[in-house]
Amino acid sequence: MLYRRIRDLREDRDLLQKDIAKLLNCSQVCYSRYESGKRDIPTDVLIKLADFYGVTTDYILGRTDKTENNVPVRDKEDNKK
């Protein structure tokens, strides 16, 4: 699931593997291995990809089909109580 999602996100935006590799400061071969599942994706790379695509890490990991985090942020005043 994870590998298909990062490929689909990239392809949906008409980007090449080398474009994403440049964003991540890795080689195209390294990024290709992420997409094919031949190499585990480090947490920091997963976060960069989620931020870049505007989705949650849970979406990339296949834990949800929602692309956005709809959990409301608590008000600072609520946190003081």
N, C-alpha and C. Protein backbone atom coordinates (compact mmCIF):
# COMPACT_ATOMS: atom_id res chain seq x y z
N MET A 1 0.83 -1.20 0.00
CA MET A 1 0.00 0.00 0.00
C MET A 1 0.87 1.26 0.00
N LEU A 2 1.81 1.31 0.91
CA LEU A 2 2.69 2.47 1.07
C LEU A 2 3.38 2.82 -0.25
N TYR A 3 3.94 1.82 -0.89
CA TYR A 3 4.73 2.06 -2.09
C TYR A 3 3.85 2.51 -3.25
N ARG A 4 2.66 1.91 -3.35
CA ARG A 4 1.73 2.31 -4.41
C ARG A 4 1.26 3.75 -4.19
N ARG A 5 1.04 4.12 -2.94
CA ARG A 5 0.55 5.47 -2.65
C ARG A 5 1.57 6.53 -3.02
N ILE A 6 2.85 6.32 -2.69
CA ILE A 6 3.82 7.37 -3.03
C ILE A 6 4.01 7.45 -4.55
N ARG A 7 3.88 6.33 -5.24
CA ARG A 7 3.96 6.37 -6.70
C ARG A 7 2.75 7.10 -7.27
N ASP A 8 1.55 6.77 -6.78
CA ASP A 8 0.33 7.41 -7.28
C ASP A 8 0.33 8.90 -7.01
N LEU A 9 0.77 9.31 -5.82
CA LEU A 9 0.85 10.74 -5.51
C LEU A 9 1.77 11.46 -6.49
N ARG A 10 2.90 10.85 -6.78
CA ARG A 10 3.86 11.46 -7.71
C ARG A 10 3.28 11.52 -9.11
N GLU A 11 2.72 10.41 -9.58
CA GLU A 11 2.18 10.36 -10.94
C GLU A 11 0.99 11.29 -11.12
N ASP A 12 0.16 11.42 -10.08
CA ASP A 12 -1.01 12.31 -10.16
C ASP A 12 -0.59 13.76 -10.39
N ARG A 13 0.62 14.08 -10.01
CA ARG A 13 1.14 15.45 -10.17
C ARG A 13 2.09 15.58 -11.35
N ASP A 14 2.13 14.53 -12.18
CA ASP A 14 2.99 14.50 -13.37
C ASP A 14 4.45 14.79 -13.05
N LEU A 15 4.92 14.22 -11.96
CA LEU A 15 6.32 14.39 -11.56
C LEU A 15 7.10 13.12 -11.87
N LEU A 16 8.38 13.30 -12.08
CA LEU A 16 9.27 12.17 -12.31
C LEU A 16 9.94 11.75 -11.01
N GLN A 17 10.43 10.53 -10.98
CA GLN A 17 11.16 10.08 -9.80
C GLN A 17 12.34 10.99 -9.50
N LYS A 18 13.01 11.47 -10.54
CA LYS A 18 14.17 12.33 -10.31
C LYS A 18 13.76 13.65 -9.66
N ASP A 19 12.54 14.13 -9.93
CA ASP A 19 12.06 15.36 -9.29
C ASP A 19 11.91 15.18 -7.78
N ILE A 20 11.33 14.06 -7.38
CA ILE A 20 11.14 13.79 -5.96
C ILE A 20 12.47 13.47 -5.30
N ALA A 21 13.33 12.76 -6.01
CA ALA A 21 14.66 12.45 -5.48
C ALA A 21 15.42 13.74 -5.17
N LYS A 22 15.30 14.71 -6.04
CA LYS A 22 15.98 15.99 -5.81
C LYS A 22 15.43 16.67 -4.55
N LEU A 23 14.13 16.64 -4.39
CA LEU A 23 13.48 17.21 -3.20
C LEU A 23 14.01 16.54 -1.92
N LEU A 24 14.23 15.25 -2.00
CA LEU A 24 14.65 14.47 -0.83
C LEU A 24 16.17 14.39 -0.67
N ASN A 25 16.90 15.00 -1.61
CA ASN A 25 18.36 14.93 -1.60
C ASN A 25 18.88 13.50 -1.64
N CYS A 26 18.29 12.72 -2.54
CA CYS A 26 18.78 11.36 -2.75
C CYS A 26 18.84 11.12 -4.26
N SER A 27 19.39 10.01 -4.65
CA SER A 27 19.48 9.69 -6.07
C SER A 27 18.14 9.17 -6.57
N GLN A 28 17.97 9.18 -7.89
CA GLN A 28 16.75 8.63 -8.49
C GLN A 28 16.66 7.14 -8.20
N VAL A 29 17.79 6.45 -8.19
CA VAL A 29 17.82 5.02 -7.90
C VAL A 29 17.33 4.76 -6.48
N CYS A 30 17.78 5.56 -5.53
CA CYS A 30 17.34 5.43 -4.14
C CYS A 30 15.83 5.63 -4.05
N TYR A 31 15.32 6.68 -4.67
CA TYR A 31 13.89 6.94 -4.61
C TYR A 31 13.10 5.83 -5.30
N SER A 32 13.61 5.33 -6.40
CA SER A 32 12.96 4.22 -7.11
C SER A 32 12.82 3.01 -6.20
N ARG A 33 13.83 2.78 -5.37
CA ARG A 33 13.77 1.65 -4.43
C ARG A 33 12.71 1.89 -3.35
N TYR A 34 12.48 3.14 -2.97
CA TYR A 34 11.38 3.44 -2.05
C TYR A 34 10.05 3.04 -2.69
N GLU A 35 9.85 3.47 -3.94
CA GLU A 35 8.59 3.21 -4.63
C GLU A 35 8.36 1.73 -4.90
N SER A 36 9.42 1.00 -5.12
CA SER A 36 9.28 -0.42 -5.44
C SER A 36 9.26 -1.31 -4.20
N GLY A 37 9.52 -0.72 -3.04
CA GLY A 37 9.52 -1.49 -1.80
C GLY A 37 10.81 -2.23 -1.54
N LYS A 38 11.83 -1.92 -2.32
CA LYS A 38 13.13 -2.58 -2.13
C LYS A 38 13.95 -1.93 -1.03
N ARG A 39 13.48 -0.78 -0.58
CA ARG A 39 14.18 -0.06 0.48
C ARG A 39 13.13 0.56 1.40
N ASP A 40 13.32 0.41 2.71
CA ASP A 40 12.41 1.02 3.67
C ASP A 40 12.53 2.55 3.60
N ILE A 41 11.40 3.21 3.82
CA ILE A 41 11.38 4.66 3.79
C ILE A 41 11.62 5.18 5.21
N PRO A 42 12.70 5.94 5.41
CA PRO A 42 12.96 6.49 6.75
C PRO A 42 11.84 7.46 7.17
N THR A 43 11.66 7.59 8.45
CA THR A 43 10.60 8.44 8.99
C THR A 43 10.71 9.88 8.49
N ASP A 44 11.93 10.42 8.46
CA ASP A 44 12.08 11.81 8.02
C ASP A 44 11.69 11.98 6.55
N VAL A 45 11.94 10.98 5.73
CA VAL A 45 11.55 11.02 4.32
C VAL A 45 10.03 10.92 4.20
N LEU A 46 9.43 10.05 4.99
CA LEU A 46 7.98 9.91 4.99
C LEU A 46 7.32 11.24 5.34
N ILE A 47 7.84 11.92 6.33
CA ILE A 47 7.30 13.23 6.73
C ILE A 47 7.47 14.26 5.63
N LYS A 48 8.63 14.29 4.99
CA LYS A 48 8.86 15.22 3.88
C LYS A 48 7.88 14.97 2.74
N LEU A 49 7.66 13.70 2.42
CA LEU A 49 6.73 13.38 1.35
C LEU A 49 5.31 13.81 1.71
N ALA A 50 4.88 13.54 2.93
CA ALA A 50 3.54 13.94 3.36
C ALA A 50 3.38 15.45 3.29
N ASP A 51 4.37 16.17 3.77
CA ASP A 51 4.31 17.64 3.72
C ASP A 51 4.28 18.13 2.28
N PHE A 52 5.11 17.56 1.44
CA PHE A 52 5.17 17.99 0.04
C PHE A 52 3.84 17.76 -0.68
N TYR A 53 3.25 16.59 -0.46
CA TYR A 53 2.00 16.27 -1.15
C TYR A 53 0.76 16.80 -0.43
N GLY A 54 0.93 17.32 0.77
CA GLY A 54 -0.21 17.87 1.51
C GLY A 54 -1.15 16.79 2.01
N VAL A 55 -0.59 15.64 2.38
CA VAL A 55 -1.39 14.55 2.93
C VAL A 55 -0.81 14.15 4.29
N THR A 56 -1.51 13.30 5.00
CA THR A 56 -1.00 12.83 6.28
C THR A 56 -0.07 11.64 6.08
N THR A 57 0.78 11.42 7.05
CA THR A 57 1.62 10.22 7.00
C THR A 57 0.76 8.98 7.09
N ASP A 58 -0.35 9.05 7.83
CA ASP A 58 -1.26 7.91 7.91
C ASP A 58 -1.82 7.55 6.53
N TYR A 59 -2.09 8.54 5.71
CA TYR A 59 -2.56 8.27 4.35
C TYR A 59 -1.49 7.52 3.56
N ILE A 60 -0.27 8.01 3.60
CA ILE A 60 0.81 7.34 2.86
C ILE A 60 1.01 5.92 3.37
N LEU A 61 0.92 5.74 4.67
CA LEU A 61 1.12 4.41 5.26
C LEU A 61 -0.06 3.47 5.04
N GLY A 62 -1.15 3.99 4.51
CA GLY A 62 -2.32 3.16 4.25
C GLY A 62 -3.20 2.93 5.47
N ARG A 63 -2.99 3.74 6.50
CA ARG A 63 -3.79 3.58 7.72
C ARG A 63 -5.14 4.25 7.61
N THR A 64 -5.30 5.12 6.62
CA THR A 64 -6.57 5.80 6.36
C THR A 64 -6.63 6.15 4.88
N ASP A 65 -7.85 6.35 4.41
CA ASP A 65 -8.03 6.82 3.04
C ASP A 65 -8.27 8.32 2.98
N LYS A 66 -8.34 8.95 4.16
CA LYS A 66 -8.47 10.41 4.22
C LYS A 66 -7.10 11.01 3.99
N THR A 67 -7.05 12.00 3.13
CA THR A 67 -5.76 12.64 2.85
C THR A 67 -5.44 13.75 3.83
N GLU A 68 -6.46 14.26 4.54
CA GLU A 68 -6.24 15.36 5.48
C GLU A 68 -6.53 14.92 6.90
N ASN A 69 -5.87 15.57 7.83
CA ASN A 69 -6.11 15.31 9.24
C ASN A 69 -7.24 16.22 9.68
N ASN A 70 -8.39 15.64 9.99
CA ASN A 70 -9.56 16.43 10.36
C ASN A 70 -9.77 16.55 11.86
N VAL A 71 -8.75 16.26 12.63
CA VAL A 71 -8.85 16.39 14.08
C VAL A 71 -8.68 17.86 14.44
N PRO A 72 -9.66 18.44 15.17
CA PRO A 72 -9.54 19.86 15.50
C PRO A 72 -8.39 20.12 16.48
N VAL A 73 -7.74 21.23 16.29
CA VAL A 73 -6.66 21.64 17.18
C VAL A 73 -7.30 22.35 18.37
N ARG A 74 -6.89 21.98 19.56
CA ARG A 74 -7.47 22.60 20.75
C ARG A 74 -6.96 24.02 20.92
N ASP A 75 -7.84 24.86 21.40
CA ASP A 75 -7.52 26.25 21.67
C ASP A 75 -6.53 26.33 22.83
N LYS A 76 -5.64 27.31 22.82
CA LYS A 76 -4.67 27.49 23.90
C LYS A 76 -5.36 27.63 25.24
N GLU A 77 -6.50 28.29 25.26
CA GLU A 77 -7.26 28.46 26.50
C GLU A 77 -7.73 27.11 27.04
N ASP A 78 -8.12 26.21 26.13
CA ASP A 78 -8.55 24.88 26.55
C ASP A 78 -7.42 24.12 27.22
N ASN A 79 -6.21 24.34 26.76
CA ASN A 79 -5.05 23.63 27.30
C ASN A 79 -4.69 24.11 28.70
N LYS A 80 -5.09 25.33 29.05
CA LYS A 80 -4.77 25.87 30.37
C LYS A 80 -5.68 25.30 31.45
N LYS A 81 -6.81 24.76 31.05
CA LYS A 81 -7.80 24.26 32.02
C LYS A 81 -7.38 22.94 32.61
